[in-house]
PDB file of all heavy atoms in Angstrom:
ATOM      1  N   VAL A   1      13.754 -10.519   2.757  1.00  0.00           N
ATOM      2  CA  VAL A   1      15.032  -9.839   2.549  1.00  0.00           C
ATOM      3  C   VAL A   1      14.784  -8.387   2.144  1.00  0.00           C
ATOM      4  O   VAL A   1      15.456  -7.469   2.635  1.00  0.00           O
ATOM      5  CB  VAL A   1      15.875 -10.566   1.486  1.00  0.00           C
ATOM      6  CG1 VAL A   1      17.008  -9.676   0.996  1.00  0.00           C
ATOM      7  CG2 VAL A   1      16.444 -11.864   2.047  1.00  0.00           C
ATOM      8  N   ALA A   2      13.812  -8.163   1.255  1.00  0.00           N
ATOM      9  CA  ALA A   2      13.486  -6.794   0.835  1.00  0.00           C
ATOM     10  C   ALA A   2      13.093  -5.948   2.040  1.00  0.00           C
ATOM     11  O   ALA A   2      13.497  -4.778   2.162  1.00  0.00           O
ATOM     12  CB  ALA A   2      12.367  -6.815  -0.204  1.00  0.00           C
ATOM     13  N   ARG A   3      12.327  -6.536   2.943  1.00  0.00           N
ATOM     14  CA  ARG A   3      11.904  -5.805   4.149  1.00  0.00           C
ATOM     15  C   ARG A   3      13.095  -5.492   5.037  1.00  0.00           C
ATOM     16  O   ARG A   3      13.226  -4.369   5.556  1.00  0.00           O
ATOM     17  CB  ARG A   3      10.870  -6.628   4.900  1.00  0.00           C
ATOM     18  CG  ARG A   3      10.275  -5.920   6.106  1.00  0.00           C
ATOM     19  CD  ARG A   3       9.131  -6.722   6.686  1.00  0.00           C
ATOM     20  NE  ARG A   3       8.525  -6.027   7.812  1.00  0.00           N
ATOM     21  CZ  ARG A   3       7.448  -6.454   8.462  1.00  0.00           C
ATOM     22  NH1 ARG A   3       6.846  -7.572   8.079  1.00  0.00           N
ATOM     23  NH2 ARG A   3       6.960  -5.768   9.475  1.00  0.00           N
ATOM     24  N   ALA A   4      13.981  -6.469   5.215  1.00  0.00           N
ATOM     25  CA  ALA A   4      15.181  -6.259   6.038  1.00  0.00           C
ATOM     26  C   ALA A   4      16.056  -5.168   5.445  1.00  0.00           C
ATOM     27  O   ALA A   4      16.621  -4.336   6.162  1.00  0.00           O
ATOM     28  CB  ALA A   4      15.967  -7.567   6.160  1.00  0.00           C
ATOM     29  N   MET A   5      16.160  -5.162   4.119  1.00  0.00           N
ATOM     30  CA  MET A   5      16.956  -4.143   3.451  1.00  0.00           C
ATOM     31  C   MET A   5      16.396  -2.745   3.681  1.00  0.00           C
ATOM     32  O   MET A   5      17.129  -1.817   4.032  1.00  0.00           O
ATOM     33  CB  MET A   5      17.020  -4.430   1.944  1.00  0.00           C
ATOM     34  CG  MET A   5      17.840  -5.652   1.555  1.00  0.00           C
ATOM     35  SD  MET A   5      17.655  -6.051  -0.202  1.00  0.00           S
ATOM     36  CE  MET A   5      18.243  -4.517  -0.971  1.00  0.00           C
ATOM     37  N   LYS A   6      15.091  -2.596   3.481  1.00  0.00           N
ATOM     38  CA  LYS A   6      14.492  -1.268   3.625  1.00  0.00           C
ATOM     39  C   LYS A   6      14.585  -0.778   5.067  1.00  0.00           C
ATOM     40  O   LYS A   6      14.742   0.424   5.313  1.00  0.00           O
ATOM     41  CB  LYS A   6      13.048  -1.280   3.150  1.00  0.00           C
ATOM     42  CG  LYS A   6      12.456   0.125   3.051  1.00  0.00           C
ATOM     43  CD  LYS A   6      11.187   0.175   2.241  1.00  0.00           C
ATOM     44  CE  LYS A   6      10.705   1.620   2.090  1.00  0.00           C
ATOM     45  NZ  LYS A   6       9.485   1.712   1.252  1.00  0.00           N
ATOM     46  N   ASN A   7      14.510  -1.679   6.037  1.00  0.00           N
ATOM     47  CA  ASN A   7      14.698  -1.303   7.437  1.00  0.00           C
ATOM     48  C   ASN A   7      16.022  -0.577   7.652  1.00  0.00           C
ATOM     49  O   ASN A   7      16.130   0.307   8.499  1.00  0.00           O
ATOM     50  CB  ASN A   7      14.683  -2.544   8.337  1.00  0.00           C
ATOM     51  CG  ASN A   7      13.299  -3.121   8.563  1.00  0.00           C
ATOM     52  OD1 ASN A   7      13.167  -4.309   8.831  1.00  0.00           O
ATOM     53  ND2 ASN A   7      12.256  -2.312   8.445  1.00  0.00           N
ATOM     54  N   MET A   8      17.040  -0.973   6.882  1.00  0.00           N
ATOM     55  CA  MET A   8      18.387  -0.440   7.070  1.00  0.00           C
ATOM     56  C   MET A   8      18.833   0.474   5.918  1.00  0.00           C
ATOM     57  O   MET A   8      20.019   0.687   5.709  1.00  0.00           O
ATOM     58  CB  MET A   8      19.387  -1.598   7.242  1.00  0.00           C
ATOM     59  CG  MET A   8      19.099  -2.454   8.458  1.00  0.00           C
ATOM     60  SD  MET A   8      19.218  -1.487   9.997  1.00  0.00           S
ATOM     61  CE  MET A   8      17.931  -2.271  10.975  1.00  0.00           C
ATOM     62  N   CYS A   9      17.853   0.988   5.160  1.00  0.00           N
ATOM     63  CA  CYS A   9      18.117   1.982   4.104  1.00  0.00           C
ATOM     64  C   CYS A   9      18.915   1.439   2.924  1.00  0.00           C
ATOM     65  O   CYS A   9      19.655   2.175   2.272  1.00  0.00           O
ATOM     66  CB  CYS A   9      18.823   3.210   4.670  1.00  0.00           C
ATOM     67  SG  CYS A   9      17.861   4.089   5.919  1.00  0.00           S
ATOM     68  N   LEU A  10      18.765   0.144   2.630  1.00  0.00           N
ATOM     69  CA  LEU A  10      19.369  -0.447   1.433  1.00  0.00           C
ATOM     70  C   LEU A  10      18.283  -0.634   0.380  1.00  0.00           C
ATOM     71  O   LEU A  10      17.134  -0.919   0.710  1.00  0.00           O
ATOM     72  CB  LEU A  10      20.029  -1.784   1.752  1.00  0.00           C
ATOM     73  CG  LEU A  10      21.172  -1.747   2.768  1.00  0.00           C
ATOM     74  CD1 LEU A  10      21.690  -3.148   3.035  1.00  0.00           C
ATOM     75  CD2 LEU A  10      22.308  -0.844   2.287  1.00  0.00           C
ATOM     76  N   SER A  11      18.648  -0.508  -0.870  1.00  0.00           N
ATOM     77  CA  SER A  11      17.612  -0.552  -1.908  1.00  0.00           C
ATOM     78  C   SER A  11      17.959  -1.410  -3.124  1.00  0.00           C
ATOM     79  O   SER A  11      17.084  -1.748  -3.903  1.00  0.00           O
ATOM     80  CB  SER A  11      17.316   0.869  -2.400  1.00  0.00           C
ATOM     81  OG  SER A  11      18.485   1.469  -2.931  1.00  0.00           O
ATOM     82  N   GLN A  12      19.222  -1.774  -3.296  1.00  0.00           N
ATOM     83  CA  GLN A  12      19.623  -2.517  -4.502  1.00  0.00           C
ATOM     84  C   GLN A  12      19.587  -4.016  -4.248  1.00  0.00           C
ATOM     85  O   GLN A  12      20.450  -4.557  -3.559  1.00  0.00           O
ATOM     86  CB  GLN A  12      21.020  -2.096  -4.951  1.00  0.00           C
ATOM     87  CG  GLN A  12      21.092  -0.675  -5.469  1.00  0.00           C
ATOM     88  CD  GLN A  12      22.358  -0.448  -6.274  1.00  0.00           C
ATOM     89  OE1 GLN A  12      22.665  -1.184  -7.199  1.00  0.00           O
ATOM     90  NE2 GLN A  12      23.111   0.575  -5.911  1.00  0.00           N
ATOM     91  N   LEU A  13      18.604  -4.689  -4.834  1.00  0.00           N
ATOM     92  CA  LEU A  13      18.441  -6.138  -4.680  1.00  0.00           C
ATOM     93  C   LEU A  13      18.669  -6.818  -6.021  1.00  0.00           C
ATOM     94  O   LEU A  13      18.014  -6.488  -7.020  1.00  0.00           O
ATOM     95  CB  LEU A  13      17.046  -6.457  -4.149  1.00  0.00           C
ATOM     96  CG  LEU A  13      16.673  -7.937  -4.017  1.00  0.00           C
ATOM     97  CD1 LEU A  13      17.623  -8.660  -3.057  1.00  0.00           C
ATOM     98  CD2 LEU A  13      15.224  -8.088  -3.542  1.00  0.00           C
ATOM     99  N   TYR A  14      19.599  -7.759  -6.044  1.00  0.00           N
ATOM    100  CA  TYR A  14      19.906  -8.536  -7.250  1.00  0.00           C
ATOM    101  C   TYR A  14      19.574 -10.007  -6.971  1.00  0.00           C
ATOM    102  O   TYR A  14      19.987 -10.555  -5.944  1.00  0.00           O
ATOM    103  CB  TYR A  14      21.377  -8.405  -7.624  1.00  0.00           C
ATOM    104  CG  TYR A  14      21.730  -7.097  -8.304  1.00  0.00           C
ATOM    105  CD1 TYR A  14      21.602  -5.877  -7.636  1.00  0.00           C
ATOM    106  CD2 TYR A  14      22.201  -7.075  -9.612  1.00  0.00           C
ATOM    107  CE1 TYR A  14      21.919  -4.672  -8.250  1.00  0.00           C
ATOM    108  CE2 TYR A  14      22.524  -5.878 -10.240  1.00  0.00           C
ATOM    109  CZ  TYR A  14      22.385  -4.684  -9.557  1.00  0.00           C
ATOM    110  OH  TYR A  14      22.702  -3.495 -10.182  1.00  0.00           O
ATOM    111  N   LEU A  15      18.853 -10.627  -7.887  1.00  0.00           N
ATOM    112  CA  LEU A  15      18.423 -12.021  -7.729  1.00  0.00           C
ATOM    113  C   LEU A  15      19.027 -12.861  -8.845  1.00  0.00           C
ATOM    114  O   LEU A  15      18.767 -12.618 -10.027  1.00  0.00           O
ATOM    115  CB  LEU A  15      16.896 -12.109  -7.774  1.00  0.00           C
ATOM    116  CG  LEU A  15      16.134 -11.221  -6.785  1.00  0.00           C
ATOM    117  CD1 LEU A  15      14.642 -11.284  -7.054  1.00  0.00           C
ATOM    118  CD2 LEU A  15      16.446 -11.625  -5.347  1.00  0.00           C
ATOM    119  N   VAL A  16      19.820 -13.855  -8.458  1.00  0.00           N
ATOM    120  CA  VAL A  16      20.449 -14.740  -9.439  1.00  0.00           C
ATOM    121  C   VAL A  16      19.623 -16.021  -9.556  1.00  0.00           C
ATOM    122  O   VAL A  16      19.565 -16.819  -8.626  1.00  0.00           O
ATOM    123  CB  VAL A  16      21.897 -15.076  -9.045  1.00  0.00           C
ATOM    124  CG1 VAL A  16      22.533 -16.015 -10.079  1.00  0.00           C
ATOM    125  CG2 VAL A  16      22.719 -13.819  -8.896  1.00  0.00           C
ATOM    126  N   GLU A  17      18.951 -16.171 -10.671  1.00  0.00           N
ATOM    127  CA  GLU A  17      18.134 -17.356 -10.957  1.00  0.00           C
ATOM    128  C   GLU A  17      17.274 -17.799  -9.775  1.00  0.00           C
ATOM    129  O   GLU A  17      17.419 -18.925  -9.280  1.00  0.00           O
ATOM    130  CB  GLU A  17      19.024 -18.520 -11.415  1.00  0.00           C
ATOM    131  CG  GLU A  17      19.664 -18.303 -12.773  1.00  0.00           C
ATOM    132  CD  GLU A  17      20.303 -19.568 -13.316  1.00  0.00           C
ATOM    133  OE1 GLU A  17      20.989 -20.280 -12.550  1.00  0.00           O
ATOM    134  OE2 GLU A  17      20.107 -19.858 -14.506  1.00  0.00           O
ATOM    135  N   PRO A  18      16.400 -16.946  -9.279  1.00  0.00           N
ATOM    136  CA  PRO A  18      15.500 -17.376  -8.195  1.00  0.00           C
ATOM    137  C   PRO A  18      14.570 -18.477  -8.686  1.00  0.00           C
ATOM    138  O   PRO A  18      14.172 -18.485  -9.860  1.00  0.00           O
ATOM    139  CB  PRO A  18      14.735 -16.090  -7.859  1.00  0.00           C
ATOM    140  CG  PRO A  18      14.774 -15.288  -9.119  1.00  0.00           C
ATOM    141  CD  PRO A  18      16.103 -15.581  -9.757  1.00  0.00           C
ATOM    142  N   LYS A  19      14.224 -19.413  -7.814  1.00  0.00           N
ATOM    143  CA  LYS A  19      13.381 -20.554  -8.215  1.00  0.00           C
ATOM    144  C   LYS A  19      11.958 -20.122  -8.550  1.00  0.00           C
ATOM    145  O   LYS A  19      11.366 -20.608  -9.513  1.00  0.00           O
ATOM    146  CB  LYS A  19      13.359 -21.601  -7.094  1.00  0.00           C
ATOM    147  CG  LYS A  19      14.717 -22.153  -6.718  1.00  0.00           C
ATOM    148  CD  LYS A  19      15.382 -22.886  -7.863  1.00  0.00           C
ATOM    149  CE  LYS A  19      16.711 -23.500  -7.416  1.00  0.00           C
ATOM    150  NZ  LYS A  19      17.412 -24.172  -8.526  1.00  0.00           N
ATOM    151  N   LYS A  20      11.418 -19.203  -7.746  1.00  0.00           N
ATOM    152  CA  LYS A  20      10.037 -18.742  -7.957  1.00  0.00           C
ATOM    153  C   LYS A  20       9.982 -17.228  -7.740  1.00  0.00           C
ATOM    154  O   LYS A  20       9.914 -16.754  -6.610  1.00  0.00           O
ATOM    155  CB  LYS A  20       9.066 -19.439  -6.990  1.00  0.00           C
ATOM    156  CG  LYS A  20       8.966 -20.939  -7.160  1.00  0.00           C
ATOM    157  CD  LYS A  20       8.015 -21.531  -6.116  1.00  0.00           C
ATOM    158  CE  LYS A  20       7.927 -23.046  -6.250  1.00  0.00           C
ATOM    159  NZ  LYS A  20       7.012 -23.612  -5.213  1.00  0.00           N
ATOM    160  N   TYR A  21      10.024 -16.509  -8.842  1.00  0.00           N
ATOM    161  CA  TYR A  21       9.946 -15.047  -8.739  1.00  0.00           C
ATOM    162  C   TYR A  21       9.671 -14.473 -10.115  1.00  0.00           C
ATOM    163  O   TYR A  21      10.275 -14.928 -11.081  1.00  0.00           O
ATOM    164  CB  TYR A  21      11.241 -14.470  -8.180  1.00  0.00           C
ATOM    165  CG  TYR A  21      11.130 -12.992  -7.900  1.00  0.00           C
ATOM    166  CD1 TYR A  21      10.548 -12.534  -6.726  1.00  0.00           C
ATOM    167  CD2 TYR A  21      11.564 -12.052  -8.836  1.00  0.00           C
ATOM    168  CE1 TYR A  21      10.405 -11.173  -6.476  1.00  0.00           C
ATOM    169  CE2 TYR A  21      11.420 -10.698  -8.598  1.00  0.00           C
ATOM    170  CZ  TYR A  21      10.842 -10.267  -7.426  1.00  0.00           C
ATOM    171  OH  TYR A  21      10.690  -8.932  -7.182  1.00  0.00           O
ATOM    172  N   PRO A  22       8.745 -13.503 -10.185  1.00  0.00           N
ATOM    173  CA  PRO A  22       7.943 -12.903  -9.111  1.00  0.00           C
ATOM    174  C   PRO A  22       6.900 -13.875  -8.558  1.00  0.00           C
ATOM    175  O   PRO A  22       6.524 -14.845  -9.224  1.00  0.00           O
ATOM    176  CB  PRO A  22       7.286 -11.700  -9.787  1.00  0.00           C
ATOM    177  CG  PRO A  22       7.261 -12.047 -11.233  1.00  0.00           C
ATOM    178  CD  PRO A  22       8.471 -12.875 -11.501  1.00  0.00           C
ATOM    179  N   HIS A  23       6.446 -13.583  -7.356  1.00  0.00           N
ATOM    180  CA  HIS A  23       5.514 -14.483  -6.677  1.00  0.00           C
ATOM    181  C   HIS A  23       4.737 -13.684  -5.632  1.00  0.00           C
ATOM    182  O   HIS A  23       5.278 -12.771  -5.005  1.00  0.00           O
ATOM    183  CB  HIS A  23       6.291 -15.622  -6.006  1.00  0.00           C
ATOM    184  CG  HIS A  23       5.443 -16.780  -5.598  1.00  0.00           C
ATOM    185  ND1 HIS A  23       4.690 -16.779  -4.435  1.00  0.00           N
ATOM    186  CD2 HIS A  23       5.227 -17.989  -6.198  1.00  0.00           C
ATOM    187  CE1 HIS A  23       4.071 -17.943  -4.333  1.00  0.00           C
ATOM    188  NE2 HIS A  23       4.376 -18.695  -5.396  1.00  0.00           N
ATOM    189  N   ASP A  24       3.460 -14.047  -5.447  1.00  0.00           N
ATOM    190  CA  ASP A  24       2.610 -13.323  -4.489  1.00  0.00           C
ATOM    191  C   ASP A  24       3.174 -13.372  -3.075  1.00  0.00           C
ATOM    192  O   ASP A  24       3.045 -12.405  -2.302  1.00  0.00           O
ATOM    193  CB  ASP A  24       1.189 -13.904  -4.497  1.00  0.00           C
ATOM    194  CG  ASP A  24       0.437 -13.563  -5.775  1.00  0.00           C
ATOM    195  OD1 ASP A  24       0.881 -12.638  -6.487  1.00  0.00           O
ATOM    196  OD2 ASP A  24      -0.584 -14.220  -6.059  1.00  0.00           O
ATOM    197  N   GLU A  25       3.791 -14.507  -2.700  1.00  0.00           N
ATOM    198  CA  GLU A  25       4.314 -14.632  -1.342  1.00  0.00           C
ATOM    199  C   GLU A  25       5.463 -13.654  -1.106  1.00  0.00           C
ATOM    200  O   GLU A  25       5.606 -13.114   0.002  1.00  0.00           O
ATOM    201  CB  GLU A  25       4.784 -16.062  -1.067  1.00  0.00           C
ATOM    202  CG  GLU A  25       5.156 -16.285   0.401  1.00  0.00           C
ATOM    203  CD  GLU A  25       5.471 -17.726   0.724  1.00  0.00           C
ATOM    204  OE1 GLU A  25       5.281 -18.598  -0.163  1.00  0.00           O
ATOM    205  OE2 GLU A  25       5.915 -17.983   1.857  1.00  0.00           O
ATOM    206  N   ALA A  26       6.266 -13.415  -2.132  1.00  0.00           N
ATOM    207  CA  ALA A  26       7.344 -12.436  -1.999  1.00  0.00           C
ATOM    208  C   ALA A  26       6.772 -11.052  -1.742  1.00  0.00           C
ATOM    209  O   ALA A  26       7.247 -10.312  -0.875  1.00  0.00           O
ATOM    210  CB  ALA A  26       8.214 -12.432  -3.261  1.00  0.00           C
ATOM    211  N   THR A  27       5.730 -10.715  -2.480  1.00  0.00           N
ATOM    212  CA  THR A  27       5.090  -9.406  -2.316  1.00  0.00           C
ATOM    213  C   THR A  27       4.483  -9.263  -0.929  1.00  0.00           C
ATOM    214  O   THR A  27       4.617  -8.225  -0.269  1.00  0.00           O
ATOM    215  CB  THR A  27       4.006  -9.214  -3.385  1.00  0.00           C
ATOM    216  OG1 THR A  27       4.595  -9.358  -4.681  1.00  0.00           O
ATOM    217  CG2 THR A  27       3.357  -7.852  -3.274  1.00  0.00           C
ATOM    218  N   TRP A  28       3.830 -10.330  -0.473  1.00  0.00           N
ATOM    219  CA  TRP A  28       3.178 -10.294   0.851  1.00  0.00           C
ATOM    220  C   TRP A  28       4.202 -10.161   1.967  1.00  0.00           C
ATOM    221  O   TRP A  28       4.036  -9.360   2.890  1.00  0.00           O
ATOM    222  CB  TRP A  28       2.354 -11.565   1.033  1.00  0.00           C
ATOM    223  CG  TRP A  28       1.750 -11.688   2.390  1.00  0.00           C
ATOM    224  CD1 TRP A  28       0.679 -11.006   2.888  1.00  0.00           C
ATOM    225  CD2 TRP A  28       2.203 -12.560   3.445  1.00  0.00           C
ATOM    226  NE1 TRP A  28       0.428 -11.389   4.180  1.00  0.00           N
ATOM    227  CE2 TRP A  28       1.341 -12.339   4.548  1.00  0.00           C
ATOM    228  CE3 TRP A  28       3.213 -13.494   3.558  1.00  0.00           C
ATOM    229  CZ2 TRP A  28       1.498 -13.025   5.754  1.00  0.00           C
ATOM    230  CZ3 TRP A  28       3.380 -14.181   4.750  1.00  0.00           C
ATOM    231  CH2 TRP A  28       2.518 -13.943   5.839  1.00  0.00           C
ATOM    232  N   ARG A  29       5.299 -10.916   1.879  1.00  0.00           N
ATOM    233  CA  ARG A  29       6.319 -10.886   2.932  1.00  0.00           C
ATOM    234  C   ARG A  29       7.100  -9.569   2.939  1.00  0.00           C
ATOM    235  O   ARG A  29       7.660  -9.184   3.961  1.00  0.00           O
ATOM    236  CB  ARG A  29       7.298 -12.058   2.753  1.00  0.00           C
ATOM    237  CG  ARG A  29       6.725 -13.421   3.082  1.00  0.00           C
ATOM    238  CD  ARG A  29       6.499 -13.629   4.567  1.00  0.00           C
ATOM    239  NE  ARG A  29       7.713 -13.510   5.352  1.00  0.00           N
ATOM    240  CZ  ARG A  29       8.610 -14.482   5.509  1.00  0.00           C
ATOM    241  NH1 ARG A  29       8.414 -15.665   4.923  1.00  0.00           N
ATOM    242  NH2 ARG A  29       9.689 -14.291   6.239  1.00  0.00           N
ATOM    243  N   ALA A  30       7.128  -8.884   1.810  1.00  0.00           N
ATOM    244  CA  ALA A  30       7.862  -7.622   1.745  1.00  0.00           C
ATOM    245  C   ALA A  30       7.154  -6.515   2.509  1.00  0.00           C
ATOM    246  O   ALA A  30       7.777  -5.514   2.867  1.00  0.00           O
ATOM    247  CB  ALA A  30       8.069  -7.206   0.293  1.00  0.00           C
ATOM    248  N   ALA A  31       5.850  -6.680   2.757  1.00  0.00           N
ATOM    249  CA  ALA A  31       5.064  -5.655   3.470  1.00  0.00           C
ATOM    250  C   ALA A  31       5.193  -4.313   2.761  1.00  0.00           C
ATOM    251  O   ALA A  31       4.839  -4.189   1.604  1.00  0.00           O
ATOM    252  CB  ALA A  31       5.492  -5.583   4.928  1.00  0.00           C
ATOM    253  N   SER A  32       5.727  -3.322   3.427  1.00  0.00           N
ATOM    254  CA  SER A  32       5.833  -1.979   2.835  1.00  0.00           C
ATOM    255  C   SER A  32       7.137  -1.759   2.072  1.00  0.00           C
ATOM    256  O   SER A  32       7.485  -0.622   1.749  1.00  0.00           O
ATOM    257  CB  SER A  32       5.713  -0.924   3.939  1.00  0.00           C
ATOM    258  OG  SER A  32       4.432  -0.988   4.553  1.00  0.00           O
ATOM    259  N   ALA A  33       7.848  -2.840   1.787  1.00  0.00           N
ATOM    260  CA  ALA A  33       9.102  -2.731   1.024  1.00  0.00           C
ATOM    261  C   ALA A  33       8.898  -3.173  -0.417  1.00  0.00           C
ATOM    262  O   ALA A  33       9.832  -3.644  -1.069  1.00  0.00           O
ATOM    263  CB  ALA A  33      10.199  -3.561   1.688  1.00  0.00           C
ATOM    264  N   GLY A  34       7.683  -2.988  -0.910  1.00  0.00           N
ATOM    265  CA  GLY A  34       7.386  -3.382  -2.285  1.00  0.00           C
ATOM    266  C   GLY A  34       8.229  -2.652  -3.309  1.00  0.00           C
ATOM    267  O   GLY A  34       8.519  -3.187  -4.391  1.00  0.00           O
ATOM    268  N   ASP A  35       8.661  -1.425  -2.986  1.00  0.00           N
ATOM    269  CA  ASP A  35       9.489  -0.671  -3.928  1.00  0.00           C
ATOM    270  C   ASP A  35      10.849  -1.334  -4.144  1.00  0.00           C
ATOM    271  O   ASP A  35      11.416  -1.269  -5.235  1.00  0.00           O
ATOM    272  CB  ASP A  35       9.673   0.767  -3.450  1.00  0.00           C
ATOM    273  CG  ASP A  35      10.218   0.852  -2.028  1.00  0.00           C
ATOM    274  OD1 ASP A  35       9.906  -0.037  -1.213  1.00  0.00           O
ATOM    275  OD2 ASP A  35      10.952   1.818  -1.732  1.00  0.00           O
ATOM    276  N   VAL A  36      11.359  -2.008  -3.102  1.00  0.00           N
ATOM    277  CA  VAL A  36      12.628  -2.726  -3.249  1.00  0.00           C
ATOM    278  C   VAL A  36      12.443  -3.897  -4.211  1.00  0.00           C
ATOM    279  O   VAL A  36      13.290  -4.148  -5.084  1.00  0.00           O
ATOM    280  CB  VAL A  36      13.150  -3.217  -1.886  1.00  0.00           C
ATOM    281  CG1 VAL A  36      14.423  -4.046  -2.054  1.00  0.00           C
ATOM    282  CG2 VAL A  36      13.407  -2.038  -0.955  1.00  0.00           C
ATOM    283  N   LEU A  37      11.325  -4.615  -4.078  1.00  0.00           N
ATOM    284  CA  LEU A  37      11.036  -5.716  -4.997  1.00  0.00           C
ATOM    285  C   LEU A  37      10.829  -5.210  -6.421  1.00  0.00           C
ATOM    286  O   LEU A  37      11.298  -5.817  -7.385  1.00  0.00           O
ATOM    287  CB  LEU A  37       9.789  -6.479  -4.543  1.00  0.00           C
ATOM    288  CG  LEU A  37       9.903  -7.408  -3.341  1.00  0.00           C
ATOM    289  CD1 LEU A  37       8.579  -8.128  -3.117  1.00  0.00           C
ATOM    290  CD2 LEU A  37      11.018  -8.424  -3.539  1.00  0.00           C
TER     291      LEU A  37
END
């Protein structure tokens, strides 16, 4: 989701009670959108 957001110039991500976060897989899947995370 962070990657999809950055593709379209969105930056504000709010997470309501995520099951597993922070997590290495989230960081890996974000690719170059780590700043959004």
